[in-house]
Amino acid sequence: MKTGRFRREEHIKRPADIQRLFKNGKRVSVAGAKLFYMPNGQDKNHIAFPLPRSYGNAVERNCSRRYSRETYRFFKSRLNTGFDMLLLVYPGNDSFHSRCEQFKTLCQKAALLREQEGLPQPSSAP
């Protein structure tokens, strides 16, 4: 299954945009992760993957961001468009499969998934 790219225009880079999401965005949470989201009035989604300061060393942070980006790419075609999102992940059990389960549950709670059934299962870690 082709999942598409994670393009530059989909990234949230500006600290002001990230702070706006933290302050004004709706939030849902599961064990180990939170999703902040709000409508952006556009026809595409934007996302950022900040990590708390206490999240391990640089290698662990980069690995966690990689899992998050790949998870977003995996679910991107099944998400409703027009949202800014922040996926905040806390230290703990960090694997591609657990990140997919967290993101799927968060999107279901936030009603961001187009179709609630028939989602493919992640096969293996990237």
PDB file of N, CA and C in Angstrom:
ATOM      1  N   MET A   1       0.848  -1.179   0.000  1.00  0.00           N
ATOM      2  CA  MET A   1       0.000   0.000   0.000  1.00  0.00           C
ATOM      3  C   MET A   1       0.890   1.237   0.000  1.00  0.00           C
ATOM      4  N   LYS A   2       0.591   2.176  -0.875  1.00  0.00           N
ATOM      5  CA  LYS A   2       1.359   3.410  -0.957  1.00  0.00           C
ATOM      6  C   LYS A   2       0.805   4.422   0.031  1.00  0.00           C
ATOM      7  N   THR A   3       1.686   5.005   0.831  1.00  0.00           N
ATOM      8  CA  THR A   3       1.216   5.898   1.882  1.00  0.00           C
ATOM      9  C   THR A   3       1.450   7.367   1.574  1.00  0.00           C
ATOM     10  N   GLY A   4       2.262   7.704   0.617  1.00  0.00           N
ATOM     11  CA  GLY A   4       2.507   9.104   0.301  1.00  0.00           C
ATOM     12  C   GLY A   4       3.666   9.674   1.093  1.00  0.00           C
ATOM     13  N   ARG A   5       4.064  10.855   0.703  1.00  0.00           N
ATOM     14  CA  ARG A   5       5.198  11.515   1.345  1.00  0.00           C
ATOM     15  C   ARG A   5       4.736  12.445   2.458  1.00  0.00           C
ATOM     16  N   PHE A   6       5.667  12.777   3.309  1.00  0.00           N
ATOM     17  CA  PHE A   6       5.436  13.776   4.349  1.00  0.00           C
ATOM     18  C   PHE A   6       6.145  15.030   3.863  1.00  0.00           C
ATOM     19  N   ARG A   7       5.410  15.894   3.200  1.00  0.00           N
ATOM     20  CA  ARG A   7       5.981  17.042   2.508  1.00  0.00           C
ATOM     21  C   ARG A   7       6.294  18.191   3.450  1.00  0.00           C
ATOM     22  N   ARG A   8       7.183  19.061   2.978  1.00  0.00           N
ATOM     23  CA  ARG A   8       7.622  20.209   3.766  1.00  0.00           C
ATOM     24  C   ARG A   8       6.461  21.111   4.163  1.00  0.00           C
ATOM     25  N   GLU A   9       5.496  21.297   3.262  1.00  0.00           N
ATOM     26  CA  GLU A   9       4.374  22.191   3.573  1.00  0.00           C
ATOM     27  C   GLU A   9       3.416  21.604   4.610  1.00  0.00           C
ATOM     28  N   GLU A  10       3.598  20.353   4.970  1.00  0.00           N
ATOM     29  CA  GLU A  10       2.771  19.740   6.009  1.00  0.00           C
ATOM     30  C   GLU A  10       3.365  19.926   7.413  1.00  0.00           C
ATOM     31  N   HIS A  11       4.608  20.355   7.504  1.00  0.00           N
ATOM     32  CA  HIS A  11       5.277  20.550   8.791  1.00  0.00           C
ATOM     33  C   HIS A  11       4.813  21.846   9.435  1.00  0.00           C
ATOM     34  N   ILE A  12       4.675  21.836  10.742  1.00  0.00           N
ATOM     35  CA  ILE A  12       4.495  23.073  11.512  1.00  0.00           C
ATOM     36  C   ILE A  12       5.866  23.379  12.091  1.00  0.00           C
ATOM     37  N   LYS A  13       6.429  24.504  11.716  1.00  0.00           N
ATOM     38  CA  LYS A  13       7.791  24.831  12.134  1.00  0.00           C
ATOM     39  C   LYS A  13       7.849  26.002  13.108  1.00  0.00           C
ATOM     40  N   ARG A  14       6.984  26.984  12.922  1.00  0.00           N
ATOM     41  CA  ARG A  14       7.080  28.209  13.716  1.00  0.00           C
ATOM     42  C   ARG A  14       6.673  27.967  15.167  1.00  0.00           C
ATOM     43  N   PRO A  15       7.492  28.415  16.106  1.00  0.00           N
ATOM     44  CA  PRO A  15       7.139  28.255  17.528  1.00  0.00           C
ATOM     45  C   PRO A  15       5.809  28.914  17.887  1.00  0.00           C
ATOM     46  N   ALA A  16       5.465  30.011  17.228  1.00  0.00           N
ATOM     47  CA  ALA A  16       4.189  30.682  17.512  1.00  0.00           C
ATOM     48  C   ALA A  16       3.011  29.782  17.152  1.00  0.00           C
ATOM     49  N   ASP A  17       3.120  29.047  16.053  1.00  0.00           N
ATOM     50  CA  ASP A  17       2.048  28.126  15.650  1.00  0.00           C
ATOM     51  C   ASP A  17       1.920  26.969  16.641  1.00  0.00           C
ATOM     52  N   ILE A  18       3.048  26.478  17.118  1.00  0.00           N
ATOM     53  CA  ILE A  18       3.035  25.383  18.094  1.00  0.00           C
ATOM     54  C   ILE A  18       2.421  25.860  19.413  1.00  0.00           C
ATOM     55  N   GLN A  19       2.797  27.048  19.864  1.00  0.00           N
ATOM     56  CA  GLN A  19       2.227  27.598  21.098  1.00  0.00           C
ATOM     57  C   GLN A  19       0.727  27.832  20.964  1.00  0.00           C
ATOM     58  N   ARG A  20       0.289  28.290  19.781  1.00  0.00           N
ATOM     59  CA  ARG A  20      -1.141  28.513  19.534  1.00  0.00           C
ATOM     60  C   ARG A  20      -1.912  27.203  19.674  1.00  0.00           C
ATOM     61  N   LEU A  21      -1.351  26.111  19.154  1.00  0.00           N
ATOM     62  CA  LEU A  21      -2.007  24.812  19.286  1.00  0.00           C
ATOM     63  C   LEU A  21      -2.054  24.350  20.741  1.00  0.00           C
ATOM     64  N   PHE A  22      -0.955  24.545  21.464  1.00  0.00           N
ATOM     65  CA  PHE A  22      -0.943  24.165  22.881  1.00  0.00           C
ATOM     66  C   PHE A  22      -1.998  24.942  23.666  1.00  0.00           C
ATOM     67  N   LYS A  23      -2.151  26.228  23.385  1.00  0.00           N
ATOM     68  CA  LYS A  23      -3.077  27.068  24.149  1.00  0.00           C
ATOM     69  C   LYS A  23      -4.526  26.916  23.702  1.00  0.00           C
ATOM     70  N   ASN A  24      -4.774  26.924  22.394  1.00  0.00           N
ATOM     71  CA  ASN A  24      -6.146  27.001  21.885  1.00  0.00           C
ATOM     72  C   ASN A  24      -6.683  25.702  21.311  1.00  0.00           C
ATOM     73  N   GLY A  25      -5.828  24.725  21.080  1.00  0.00           N
ATOM     74  CA  GLY A  25      -6.276  23.496  20.434  1.00  0.00           C
ATOM     75  C   GLY A  25      -7.042  22.577  21.363  1.00  0.00           C
ATOM     76  N   LYS A  26      -7.901  21.770  20.770  1.00  0.00           N
ATOM     77  CA  LYS A  26      -8.570  20.715  21.535  1.00  0.00           C
ATOM     78  C   LYS A  26      -7.550  19.614  21.747  1.00  0.00           C
ATOM     79  N   ARG A  27      -7.748  18.815  22.800  1.00  0.00           N
ATOM     80  CA  ARG A  27      -6.781  17.760  23.064  1.00  0.00           C
ATOM     81  C   ARG A  27      -7.471  16.468  23.441  1.00  0.00           C
ATOM     82  N   VAL A  28      -6.845  15.394  23.034  1.00  0.00           N
ATOM     83  CA  VAL A  28      -7.257  14.050  23.436  1.00  0.00           C
ATOM     84  C   VAL A  28      -5.989  13.327  23.865  1.00  0.00           C
ATOM     85  N   SER A  29      -6.141  12.337  24.738  1.00  0.00           N
ATOM     86  CA  SER A  29      -4.942  11.658  25.223  1.00  0.00           C
ATOM     87  C   SER A  29      -5.193  10.171  25.411  1.00  0.00           C
ATOM     88  N   VAL A  30      -4.106   9.433  25.312  1.00  0.00           N
ATOM     89  CA  VAL A  30      -4.058   8.014  25.646  1.00  0.00           C
ATOM     90  C   VAL A  30      -2.797   7.837  26.488  1.00  0.00           C
ATOM     91  N   ALA A  31      -2.591   6.647  26.993  1.00  0.00           N
ATOM     92  CA  ALA A  31      -1.388   6.394  27.791  1.00  0.00           C
ATOM     93  C   ALA A  31      -0.150   6.613  26.925  1.00  0.00           C
ATOM     94  N   GLY A  32       0.669   7.582  27.301  1.00  0.00           N
ATOM     95  CA  GLY A  32       1.930   7.820  26.609  1.00  0.00           C
ATOM     96  C   GLY A  32       1.897   8.853  25.499  1.00  0.00           C
ATOM     97  N   ALA A  33       0.732   9.425  25.167  1.00  0.00           N
ATOM     98  CA  ALA A  33       0.679  10.396  24.066  1.00  0.00           C
ATOM     99  C   ALA A  33      -0.528  11.316  24.196  1.00  0.00           C
ATOM    100  N   LYS A  34      -0.390  12.516  23.629  1.00  0.00           N
ATOM    101  CA  LYS A  34      -1.491  13.474  23.531  1.00  0.00           C
ATOM    102  C   LYS A  34      -1.522  14.010  22.114  1.00  0.00           C
ATOM    103  N   LEU A  35      -2.717  14.315  21.650  1.00  0.00           N
ATOM    104  CA  LEU A  35      -2.889  14.933  20.338  1.00  0.00           C
ATOM    105  C   LEU A  35      -3.628  16.250  20.529  1.00  0.00           C
ATOM    106  N   PHE A  36      -3.007  17.346  20.109  1.00  0.00           N
ATOM    107  CA  PHE A  36      -3.628  18.662  20.098  1.00  0.00           C
ATOM    108  C   PHE A  36      -4.025  18.939  18.658  1.00  0.00           C
ATOM    109  N   TYR A  37      -5.238  19.447  18.436  1.00  0.00           N
ATOM    110  CA  TYR A  37      -5.675  19.695  17.072  1.00  0.00           C
ATOM    111  C   TYR A  37      -6.640  20.870  17.027  1.00  0.00           C
ATOM    112  N   MET A  38      -6.684  21.519  15.881  1.00  0.00           N
ATOM    113  CA  MET A  38      -7.653  22.581  15.633  1.00  0.00           C
ATOM    114  C   MET A  38      -7.785  22.780  14.129  1.00  0.00           C
ATOM    115  N   PRO A  39      -8.959  23.227  13.661  1.00  0.00           N
ATOM    116  CA  PRO A  39      -9.144  23.453  12.232  1.00  0.00           C
ATOM    117  C   PRO A  39      -8.235  24.578  11.741  1.00  0.00           C
ATOM    118  N   ASN A  40      -7.751  24.438  10.498  1.00  0.00           N
ATOM    119  CA  ASN A  40      -6.877  25.467   9.948  1.00  0.00           C
ATOM    120  C   ASN A  40      -7.479  26.184   8.746  1.00  0.00           C
ATOM    121  N   GLY A  41      -8.653  25.767   8.273  1.00  0.00           N
ATOM    122  CA  GLY A  41      -9.314  26.440   7.166  1.00  0.00           C
ATOM    123  C   GLY A  41      -8.679  26.188   5.814  1.00  0.00           C
ATOM    124  N   GLN A  42      -7.814  25.199   5.708  1.00  0.00           N
ATOM    125  CA  GLN A  42      -7.178  24.858   4.439  1.00  0.00           C
ATOM    126  C   GLN A  42      -7.594  23.466   4.022  1.00  0.00           C
ATOM    127  N   ASP A  43      -7.125  23.050   2.855  1.00  0.00           N
ATOM    128  CA  ASP A  43      -7.503  21.723   2.367  1.00  0.00           C
ATOM    129  C   ASP A  43      -6.442  20.670   2.648  1.00  0.00           C
ATOM    130  N   LYS A  44      -5.496  20.965   3.542  1.00  0.00           N
ATOM    131  CA  LYS A  44      -4.496  19.975   3.930  1.00  0.00           C
ATOM    132  C   LYS A  44      -4.185  20.096   5.413  1.00  0.00           C
ATOM    133  N   ASN A  45      -3.593  19.045   5.926  1.00  0.00           N
ATOM    134  CA  ASN A  45      -3.234  19.007   7.338  1.00  0.00           C
ATOM    135  C   ASN A  45      -1.805  19.489   7.535  1.00  0.00           C
ATOM    136  N   HIS A  46      -1.549  20.006   8.733  1.00  0.00           N
ATOM    137  CA  HIS A  46      -0.198  20.357   9.159  1.00  0.00           C
ATOM    138  C   HIS A  46       0.028  19.676  10.500  1.00  0.00           C
ATOM    139  N   ILE A  47       1.262  19.209  10.728  1.00  0.00           N
ATOM    140  CA  ILE A  47       1.533  18.480  11.970  1.00  0.00           C
ATOM    141  C   ILE A  47       2.945  18.763  12.460  1.00  0.00           C
ATOM    142  N   ALA A  48       3.126  18.686  13.771  1.00  0.00           N
ATOM    143  CA  ALA A  48       4.439  18.804  14.407  1.00  0.00           C
ATOM    144  C   ALA A  48       4.565  17.702  15.449  1.00  0.00           C
ATOM    145  N   PHE A  49       5.807  17.356  15.759  1.00  0.00           N
ATOM    146  CA  PHE A  49       6.086  16.287  16.712  1.00  0.00           C
ATOM    147  C   PHE A  49       7.038  16.770  17.807  1.00  0.00           C
ATOM    148  N   PRO A  50       6.582  17.677  18.682  1.00  0.00           N
ATOM    149  CA  PRO A  50       7.468  18.120  19.765  1.00  0.00           C
ATOM    150  C   PRO A  50       7.622  17.015  20.804  1.00  0.00           C
ATOM    151  N   LEU A  51       8.732  17.033  21.494  1.00  0.00           N
ATOM    152  CA  LEU A  51       8.978  16.058  22.550  1.00  0.00           C
ATOM    153  C   LEU A  51       9.285  16.802  23.841  1.00  0.00           C
ATOM    154  N   PRO A  52       8.872  16.278  24.992  1.00  0.00           N
ATOM    155  CA  PRO A  52       9.189  16.942  26.251  1.00  0.00           C
ATOM    156  C   PRO A  52      10.696  16.958  26.490  1.00  0.00           C
ATOM    157  N   ARG A  53      11.155  17.906  27.251  1.00  0.00           N
ATOM    158  CA  ARG A  53      12.593  18.062  27.495  1.00  0.00           C
ATOM    159  C   ARG A  53      13.210  16.850  28.175  1.00  0.00           C
ATOM    160  N   SER A  54      12.413  16.121  28.890  1.00  0.00           N
ATOM    161  CA  SER A  54      12.937  14.972  29.634  1.00  0.00           C
ATOM    162  C   SER A  54      13.039  13.712  28.783  1.00  0.00           C
ATOM    163  N   TYR A  55      12.817  13.826  27.476  1.00  0.00           N
ATOM    164  CA  TYR A  55      12.772  12.643  26.622  1.00  0.00           C
ATOM    165  C   TYR A  55      14.183  12.205  26.227  1.00  0.00           C
ATOM    166  N   GLY A  56      14.831  11.437  27.019  1.00  0.00           N
ATOM    167  CA  GLY A  56      16.087  10.764  26.703  1.00  0.00           C
ATOM    168  C   GLY A  56      17.160  11.609  26.047  1.00  0.00           C
ATOM    169  N   ASN A  57      18.061  10.932  25.337  1.00  0.00           N
ATOM    170  CA  ASN A  57      19.137  11.625  24.641  1.00  0.00           C
ATOM    171  C   ASN A  57      18.737  11.886  23.186  1.00  0.00           C
ATOM    172  N   ALA A  58      19.626  12.463  22.406  1.00  0.00           N
ATOM    173  CA  ALA A  58      19.323  12.858  21.033  1.00  0.00           C
ATOM    174  C   ALA A  58      18.944  11.662  20.165  1.00  0.00           C
ATOM    175  N   VAL A  59      19.601  10.537  20.363  1.00  0.00           N
ATOM    176  CA  VAL A  59      19.306   9.345  19.569  1.00  0.00           C
ATOM    177  C   VAL A  59      17.869   8.880  19.827  1.00  0.00           C
ATOM    178  N   GLU A  60      17.459   8.854  21.072  1.00  0.00           N
ATOM    179  CA  GLU A  60      16.097   8.428  21.414  1.00  0.00           C
ATOM    180  C   GLU A  60      15.061   9.409  20.879  1.00  0.00           C
ATOM    181  N   ARG A  61      15.351  10.718  20.970  1.00  0.00           N
ATOM    182  CA  ARG A  61      14.421  11.720  20.448  1.00  0.00           C
ATOM    183  C   ARG A  61      14.273  11.592  18.930  1.00  0.00           C
ATOM    184  N   ASN A  62      15.384  11.426  18.225  1.00  0.00           N
ATOM    185  CA  ASN A  62      15.319  11.297  16.773  1.00  0.00           C
ATOM    186  C   ASN A  62      14.585  10.028  16.349  1.00  0.00           C
ATOM    187  N   CYS A  63      14.808   8.953  17.046  1.00  0.00           N
ATOM    188  CA  CYS A  63      14.112   7.700  16.751  1.00  0.00           C
ATOM    189  C   CYS A  63      12.612   7.871  16.983  1.00  0.00           C
ATOM    190  N   SER A  64      12.248   8.529  18.063  1.00  0.00           N
ATOM    191  CA  SER A  64      10.837   8.755  18.359  1.00  0.00           C
ATOM    192  C   SER A  64      10.178   9.626  17.282  1.00  0.00           C
ATOM    193  N   ARG A  65      10.867  10.668  16.850  1.00  0.00           N
ATOM    194  CA  ARG A  65      10.324  11.518  15.776  1.00  0.00           C
ATOM    195  C   ARG A  65      10.161  10.725  14.486  1.00  0.00           C
ATOM    196  N   ARG A  66      11.120   9.854  14.201  1.00  0.00           N
ATOM    197  CA  ARG A  66      11.034   9.021  13.001  1.00  0.00           C
ATOM    198  C   ARG A  66       9.798   8.119  13.057  1.00  0.00           C
ATOM    199  N   TYR A  67       9.558   7.494  14.205  1.00  0.00           N
ATOM    200  CA  TYR A  67       8.358   6.666  14.374  1.00  0.00           C
ATOM    201  C   TYR A  67       7.100   7.513  14.179  1.00  0.00           C
ATOM    202  N   SER A  68       7.089   8.708  14.731  1.00  0.00           N
ATOM    203  CA  SER A  68       5.915   9.579  14.620  1.00  0.00           C
ATOM    204  C   SER A  68       5.665   9.996  13.180  1.00  0.00           C
ATOM    205  N   ARG A  69       6.707  10.388  12.464  1.00  0.00           N
ATOM    206  CA  ARG A  69       6.541  10.781  11.056  1.00  0.00           C
ATOM    207  C   ARG A  69       6.031   9.624  10.219  1.00  0.00           C
ATOM    208  N   GLU A  70       6.593   8.456  10.431  1.00  0.00           N
ATOM    209  CA  GLU A  70       6.178   7.299   9.645  1.00  0.00           C
ATOM    210  C   GLU A  70       4.738   6.906   9.979  1.00  0.00           C
ATOM    211  N   THR A  71       4.348   7.020  11.228  1.00  0.00           N
ATOM    212  CA  THR A  71       2.967   6.747  11.623  1.00  0.00           C
ATOM    213  C   THR A  71       2.017   7.719  10.955  1.00  0.00           C
ATOM    214  N   TYR A  72       2.375   8.994  10.937  1.00  0.00           N
ATOM    215  CA  TYR A  72       1.533   9.983  10.266  1.00  0.00           C
ATOM    216  C   TYR A  72       1.402   9.661   8.772  1.00  0.00           C
ATOM    217  N   ARG A  73       2.523   9.319   8.143  1.00  0.00           N
ATOM    218  CA  ARG A  73       2.467   8.955   6.720  1.00  0.00           C
ATOM    219  C   ARG A  73       1.546   7.754   6.498  1.00  0.00           C
ATOM    220  N   PHE A  74       1.584   6.803   7.415  1.00  0.00           N
ATOM    221  CA  PHE A  74       0.775   5.592   7.308  1.00  0.00           C
ATOM    222  C   PHE A  74      -0.723   5.913   7.363  1.00  0.00           C
ATOM    223  N   PHE A  75      -1.117   6.876   8.212  1.00  0.00           N
ATOM    224  CA  PHE A  75      -2.527   7.216   8.391  1.00  0.00           C
ATOM    225  C   PHE A  75      -2.978   8.425   7.580  1.00  0.00           C
ATOM    226  N   LYS A  76      -2.066   9.104   6.916  1.00  0.00           N
ATOM    227  CA  LYS A  76      -2.356  10.364   6.245  1.00  0.00           C
ATOM    228  C   LYS A  76      -3.533  10.297   5.274  1.00  0.00           C
ATOM    229  N   SER A  77      -3.616   9.253   4.483  1.00  0.00           N
ATOM    230  CA  SER A  77      -4.686   9.148   3.491  1.00  0.00           C
ATOM    231  C   SER A  77      -6.046   8.875   4.132  1.00  0.00           C
ATOM    232  N   ARG A  78      -6.082   8.497   5.408  1.00  0.00           N
ATOM    233  CA  ARG A  78      -7.343   8.190   6.093  1.00  0.00           C
ATOM    234  C   ARG A  78      -7.813   9.304   7.020  1.00  0.00           C
ATOM    235  N   LEU A  79      -7.073  10.417   7.067  1.00  0.00           N
ATOM    236  CA  LEU A  79      -7.433  11.514   7.954  1.00  0.00           C
ATOM    237  C   LEU A  79      -8.278  12.548   7.231  1.00  0.00           C
ATOM    238  N   ASN A  80      -9.213  13.147   7.956  1.00  0.00           N
ATOM    239  CA  ASN A  80      -9.932  14.311   7.431  1.00  0.00           C
ATOM    240  C   ASN A  80      -8.921  15.439   7.251  1.00  0.00           C
ATOM    241  N   THR A  81      -9.138  16.275   6.257  1.00  0.00           N
ATOM    242  CA  THR A  81      -8.189  17.359   6.005  1.00  0.00           C
ATOM    243  C   THR A  81      -8.667  18.655   6.634  1.00  0.00           C
ATOM    244  N   GLY A  82      -7.740  19.614   6.729  1.00  0.00           N
ATOM    245  CA  GLY A  82      -8.080  20.922   7.259  1.00  0.00           C
ATOM    246  C   GLY A  82      -7.785  21.091   8.730  1.00  0.00           C
ATOM    247  N   PHE A  83      -6.776  20.383   9.250  1.00  0.00           N
ATOM    248  CA  PHE A  83      -6.453  20.460  10.678  1.00  0.00           C
ATOM    249  C   PHE A  83      -4.969  20.706  10.887  1.00  0.00           C
ATOM    250  N   ASP A  84      -4.652  21.462  11.943  1.00  0.00           N
ATOM    251  CA  ASP A  84      -3.303  21.554  12.475  1.00  0.00           C
ATOM    252  C   ASP A  84      -3.245  20.608  13.657  1.00  0.00           C
ATOM    253  N   MET A  85      -2.170  19.833  13.768  1.00  0.00           N
ATOM    254  CA  MET A  85      -2.064  18.827  14.816  1.00  0.00           C
ATOM    255  C   MET A  85      -0.685  18.845  15.450  1.00  0.00           C
ATOM    256  N   LEU A  86      -0.652  18.470  16.716  1.00  0.00           N
ATOM    257  CA  LEU A  86       0.588  18.263  17.459  1.00  0.00           C
ATOM    258  C   LEU A  86       0.494  16.892  18.113  1.00  0.00           C
ATOM    259  N   LEU A  87       1.445  16.025  17.832  1.00  0.00           N
ATOM    260  CA  LEU A  87       1.490  14.726  18.487  1.00  0.00           C
ATOM    261  C   LEU A  87       2.595  14.778  19.532  1.00  0.00           C
ATOM    262  N   LEU A  88       2.196  14.806  20.788  1.00  0.00           N
ATOM    263  CA  LEU A  88       3.131  14.886  21.906  1.00  0.00           C
ATOM    264  C   LEU A  88       3.250  13.494  22.512  1.00  0.00           C
ATOM    265  N   VAL A  89       4.469  12.948  22.491  1.00  0.00           N
ATOM    266  CA  VAL A  89       4.715  11.585  22.963  1.00  0.00           C
ATOM    267  C   VAL A  89       5.615  11.645  24.185  1.00  0.00           C
ATOM    268  N   TYR A  90       5.310  10.824  25.175  1.00  0.00           N
ATOM    269  CA  TYR A  90       6.090  10.781  26.404  1.00  0.00           C
ATOM    270  C   TYR A  90       6.997   9.556  26.410  1.00  0.00           C
ATOM    271  N   PRO A  91       8.097   9.594  27.163  1.00  0.00           N
ATOM    272  CA  PRO A  91       9.019   8.450  27.209  1.00  0.00           C
ATOM    273  C   PRO A  91       8.322   7.196  27.713  1.00  0.00           C
ATOM    274  N   GLY A  92       8.790   6.085  27.207  1.00  0.00           N
ATOM    275  CA  GLY A  92       8.219   4.815  27.626  1.00  0.00           C
ATOM    276  C   GLY A  92       8.384   3.772  26.546  1.00  0.00           C
ATOM    277  N   ASN A  93       7.396   2.945  26.382  1.00  0.00           N
ATOM    278  CA  ASN A  93       7.422   1.896  25.374  1.00  0.00           C
ATOM    279  C   ASN A  93       7.369   2.540  23.992  1.00  0.00           C
ATOM    280  N   ASP A  94       8.496   2.588  23.317  1.00  0.00           N
ATOM    281  CA  ASP A  94       8.580   3.287  22.040  1.00  0.00           C
ATOM    282  C   ASP A  94       8.861   2.310  20.909  1.00  0.00           C
ATOM    283  N   SER A  95       7.856   2.052  20.088  1.00  0.00           N
ATOM    284  CA  SER A  95       8.028   1.218  18.900  1.00  0.00           C
ATOM    285  C   SER A  95       7.050   1.707  17.838  1.00  0.00           C
ATOM    286  N   PHE A  96       7.286   1.325  16.612  1.00  0.00           N
ATOM    287  CA  PHE A  96       6.415   1.747  15.515  1.00  0.00           C
ATOM    288  C   PHE A  96       4.999   1.234  15.727  1.00  0.00           C
ATOM    289  N   HIS A  97       4.869  -0.007  16.127  1.00  0.00           N
ATOM    290  CA  HIS A  97       3.539  -0.583  16.315  1.00  0.00           C
ATOM    291  C   HIS A  97       2.773   0.121  17.434  1.00  0.00           C
ATOM    292  N   SER A  98       3.431   0.380  18.556  1.00  0.00           N
ATOM    293  CA  SER A  98       2.736   1.062  19.657  1.00  0.00           C
ATOM    294  C   SER A  98       2.379   2.495  19.259  1.00  0.00           C
ATOM    295  N   ARG A  99       3.236   3.165  18.498  1.00  0.00           N
ATOM    296  CA  ARG A  99       2.938   4.527  18.039  1.00  0.00           C
ATOM    297  C   ARG A  99       1.731   4.524  17.103  1.00  0.00           C
ATOM    298  N   CYS A 100       1.643   3.514  16.231  1.00  0.00           N
ATOM    299  CA  CYS A 100       0.477   3.411  15.339  1.00  0.00           C
ATOM    300  C   CYS A 100      -0.803   3.216  16.134  1.00  0.00           C
ATOM    301  N   GLU A 101      -0.754   2.370  17.148  1.00  0.00           N
ATOM    302  CA  GLU A 101      -1.934   2.142  17.979  1.00  0.00           C
ATOM    303  C   GLU A 101      -2.327   3.423  18.724  1.00  0.00           C
ATOM    304  N   GLN A 102      -1.343   4.137  19.258  1.00  0.00           N
ATOM    305  CA  GLN A 102      -1.632   5.385  19.956  1.00  0.00           C
ATOM    306  C   GLN A 102      -2.270   6.400  19.012  1.00  0.00           C
ATOM    307  N   PHE A 103      -1.672   6.579  17.838  1.00  0.00           N
ATOM    308  CA  PHE A 103      -2.161   7.578  16.894  1.00  0.00           C
ATOM    309  C   PHE A 103      -3.557   7.221  16.387  1.00  0.00           C
ATOM    310  N   LYS A 104      -3.791   5.953  16.120  1.00  0.00           N
ATOM    311  CA  LYS A 104      -5.110   5.503  15.670  1.00  0.00           C
ATOM    312  C   LYS A 104      -6.167   5.802  16.735  1.00  0.00           C
ATOM    313  N   THR A 105      -5.879   5.488  17.990  1.00  0.00           N
ATOM    314  CA  THR A 105      -6.827   5.735  19.074  1.00  0.00           C
ATOM    315  C   THR A 105      -7.070   7.230  19.257  1.00  0.00           C
ATOM    316  N   LEU A 106      -5.998   8.026  19.200  1.00  0.00           N
ATOM    317  CA  LEU A 106      -6.143   9.474  19.337  1.00  0.00           C
ATOM    318  C   LEU A 106      -7.003  10.054  18.227  1.00  0.00           C
ATOM    319  N   CYS A 107      -6.775   9.616  17.000  1.00  0.00           N
ATOM    320  CA  CYS A 107      -7.559  10.130  15.870  1.00  0.00           C
ATOM    321  C   CYS A 107      -9.014   9.692  15.957  1.00  0.00           C
ATOM    322  N   GLN A 108      -9.267   8.495  16.454  1.00  0.00           N
ATOM    323  CA  GLN A 108     -10.645   8.052  16.642  1.00  0.00           C
ATOM    324  C   GLN A 108     -11.338   8.893  17.702  1.00  0.00           C
ATOM    325  N   LYS A 109     -10.649   9.185  18.802  1.00  0.00           N
ATOM    326  CA  LYS A 109     -11.234  10.019  19.855  1.00  0.00           C
ATOM    327  C   LYS A 109     -11.521  11.426  19.353  1.00  0.00           C
ATOM    328  N   ALA A 110     -10.650  11.945  18.487  1.00  0.00           N
ATOM    329  CA  ALA A 110     -10.810  13.308  17.974  1.00  0.00           C
ATOM    330  C   ALA A 110     -11.704  13.352  16.733  1.00  0.00           C
ATOM    331  N   ALA A 111     -12.180  12.205  16.270  1.00  0.00           N
ATOM    332  CA  ALA A 111     -13.018  12.099  15.062  1.00  0.00           C
ATOM    333  C   ALA A 111     -12.298  12.667  13.839  1.00  0.00           C
ATOM    334  N   LEU A 112     -11.016  12.356  13.706  1.00  0.00           N
ATOM    335  CA  LEU A 112     -10.235  12.813  12.566  1.00  0.00           C
ATOM    336  C   LEU A 112     -10.119  11.772  11.465  1.00  0.00           C
ATOM    337  N   LEU A 113     -10.511  10.531  11.749  1.00  0.00           N
ATOM    338  CA  LEU A 113     -10.423   9.480  10.736  1.00  0.00           C
ATOM    339  C   LEU A 113     -11.647   9.512   9.828  1.00  0.00           C
ATOM    340  N   ARG A 114     -11.416   9.377   8.528  1.00  0.00           N
ATOM    341  CA  ARG A 114     -12.520   9.342   7.562  1.00  0.00           C
ATOM    342  C   ARG A 114     -13.346   8.088   7.744  1.00  0.00           C
ATOM    343  N   GLU A 115     -12.684   6.972   7.831  1.00  0.00           N
ATOM    344  CA  GLU A 115     -13.379   5.694   7.970  1.00  0.00           C
ATOM    345  C   GLU A 115     -12.926   5.027   9.252  1.00  0.00           C
ATOM    346  N   GLN A 116     -13.855   4.630  10.054  1.00  0.00           N
ATOM    347  CA  GLN A 116     -13.514   4.059  11.349  1.00  0.00           C
ATOM    348  C   GLN A 116     -13.133   2.586  11.254  1.00  0.00           C
ATOM    349  N   GLU A 117     -13.541   1.924  10.182  1.00  0.00           N
ATOM    350  CA  GLU A 117     -13.278   0.485  10.074  1.00  0.00           C
ATOM    351  C   GLU A 117     -12.388   0.217   8.882  1.00  0.00           C
ATOM    352  N   GLY A 118     -11.813  -0.947   8.851  1.00  0.00           N
ATOM    353  CA  GLY A 118     -11.034  -1.374   7.706  1.00  0.00           C
ATOM    354  C   GLY A 118      -9.646  -0.762   7.620  1.00  0.00           C
ATOM    355  N   LEU A 119      -9.103  -0.264   8.724  1.00  0.00           N
ATOM    356  CA  LEU A 119      -7.751   0.285   8.682  1.00  0.00           C
ATOM    357  C   LEU A 119      -6.750  -0.860   8.628  1.00  0.00           C
ATOM    358  N   PRO A 120      -5.766  -0.755   7.774  1.00  0.00           N
ATOM    359  CA  PRO A 120      -4.760  -1.815   7.729  1.00  0.00           C
ATOM    360  C   PRO A 120      -3.898  -1.803   8.972  1.00  0.00           C
ATOM    361  N   GLN A 121      -3.350  -2.929   9.302  1.00  0.00           N
ATOM    362  CA  GLN A 121      -2.458  -3.038  10.446  1.00  0.00           C
ATOM    363  C   GLN A 121      -1.033  -2.805   9.975  1.00  0.00           C
ATOM    364  N   PRO A 122      -0.214  -2.119  10.760  1.00  0.00           N
ATOM    365  CA  PRO A 122       1.179  -1.929  10.372  1.00  0.00           C
ATOM    366  C   PRO A 122       1.895  -3.275  10.347  1.00  0.00           C
ATOM    367  N   SER A 123       2.669  -3.513   9.297  1.00  0.00           N
ATOM    368  CA  SER A 123       3.294  -4.821   9.138  1.00  0.00           C
ATOM    369  C   SER A 123       4.543  -4.964  10.001  1.00  0.00           C
ATOM    370  N   SER A 124       5.494  -4.049   9.857  1.00  0.00           N
ATOM    371  CA  SER A 124       6.721  -4.142  10.655  1.00  0.00           C
ATOM    372  C   SER A 124       7.322  -2.758  10.789  1.00  0.00           C
ATOM    373  N   ALA A 125       8.300  -2.670  11.641  1.00  0.00           N
ATOM    374  CA  ALA A 125       8.970  -1.378  11.870  1.00  0.00           C
ATOM    375  C   ALA A 125       9.721  -0.956  10.613  1.00  0.00           C
ATOM    376  N   PRO A 126       9.751   0.370  10.337  1.00  0.00           N
ATOM    377  CA  PRO A 126      10.438   0.847   9.142  1.00  0.00           C
ATOM    378  C   PRO A 126      11.939   0.687   9.233  1.00  0.00           C
TER     379      PRO A 126
END
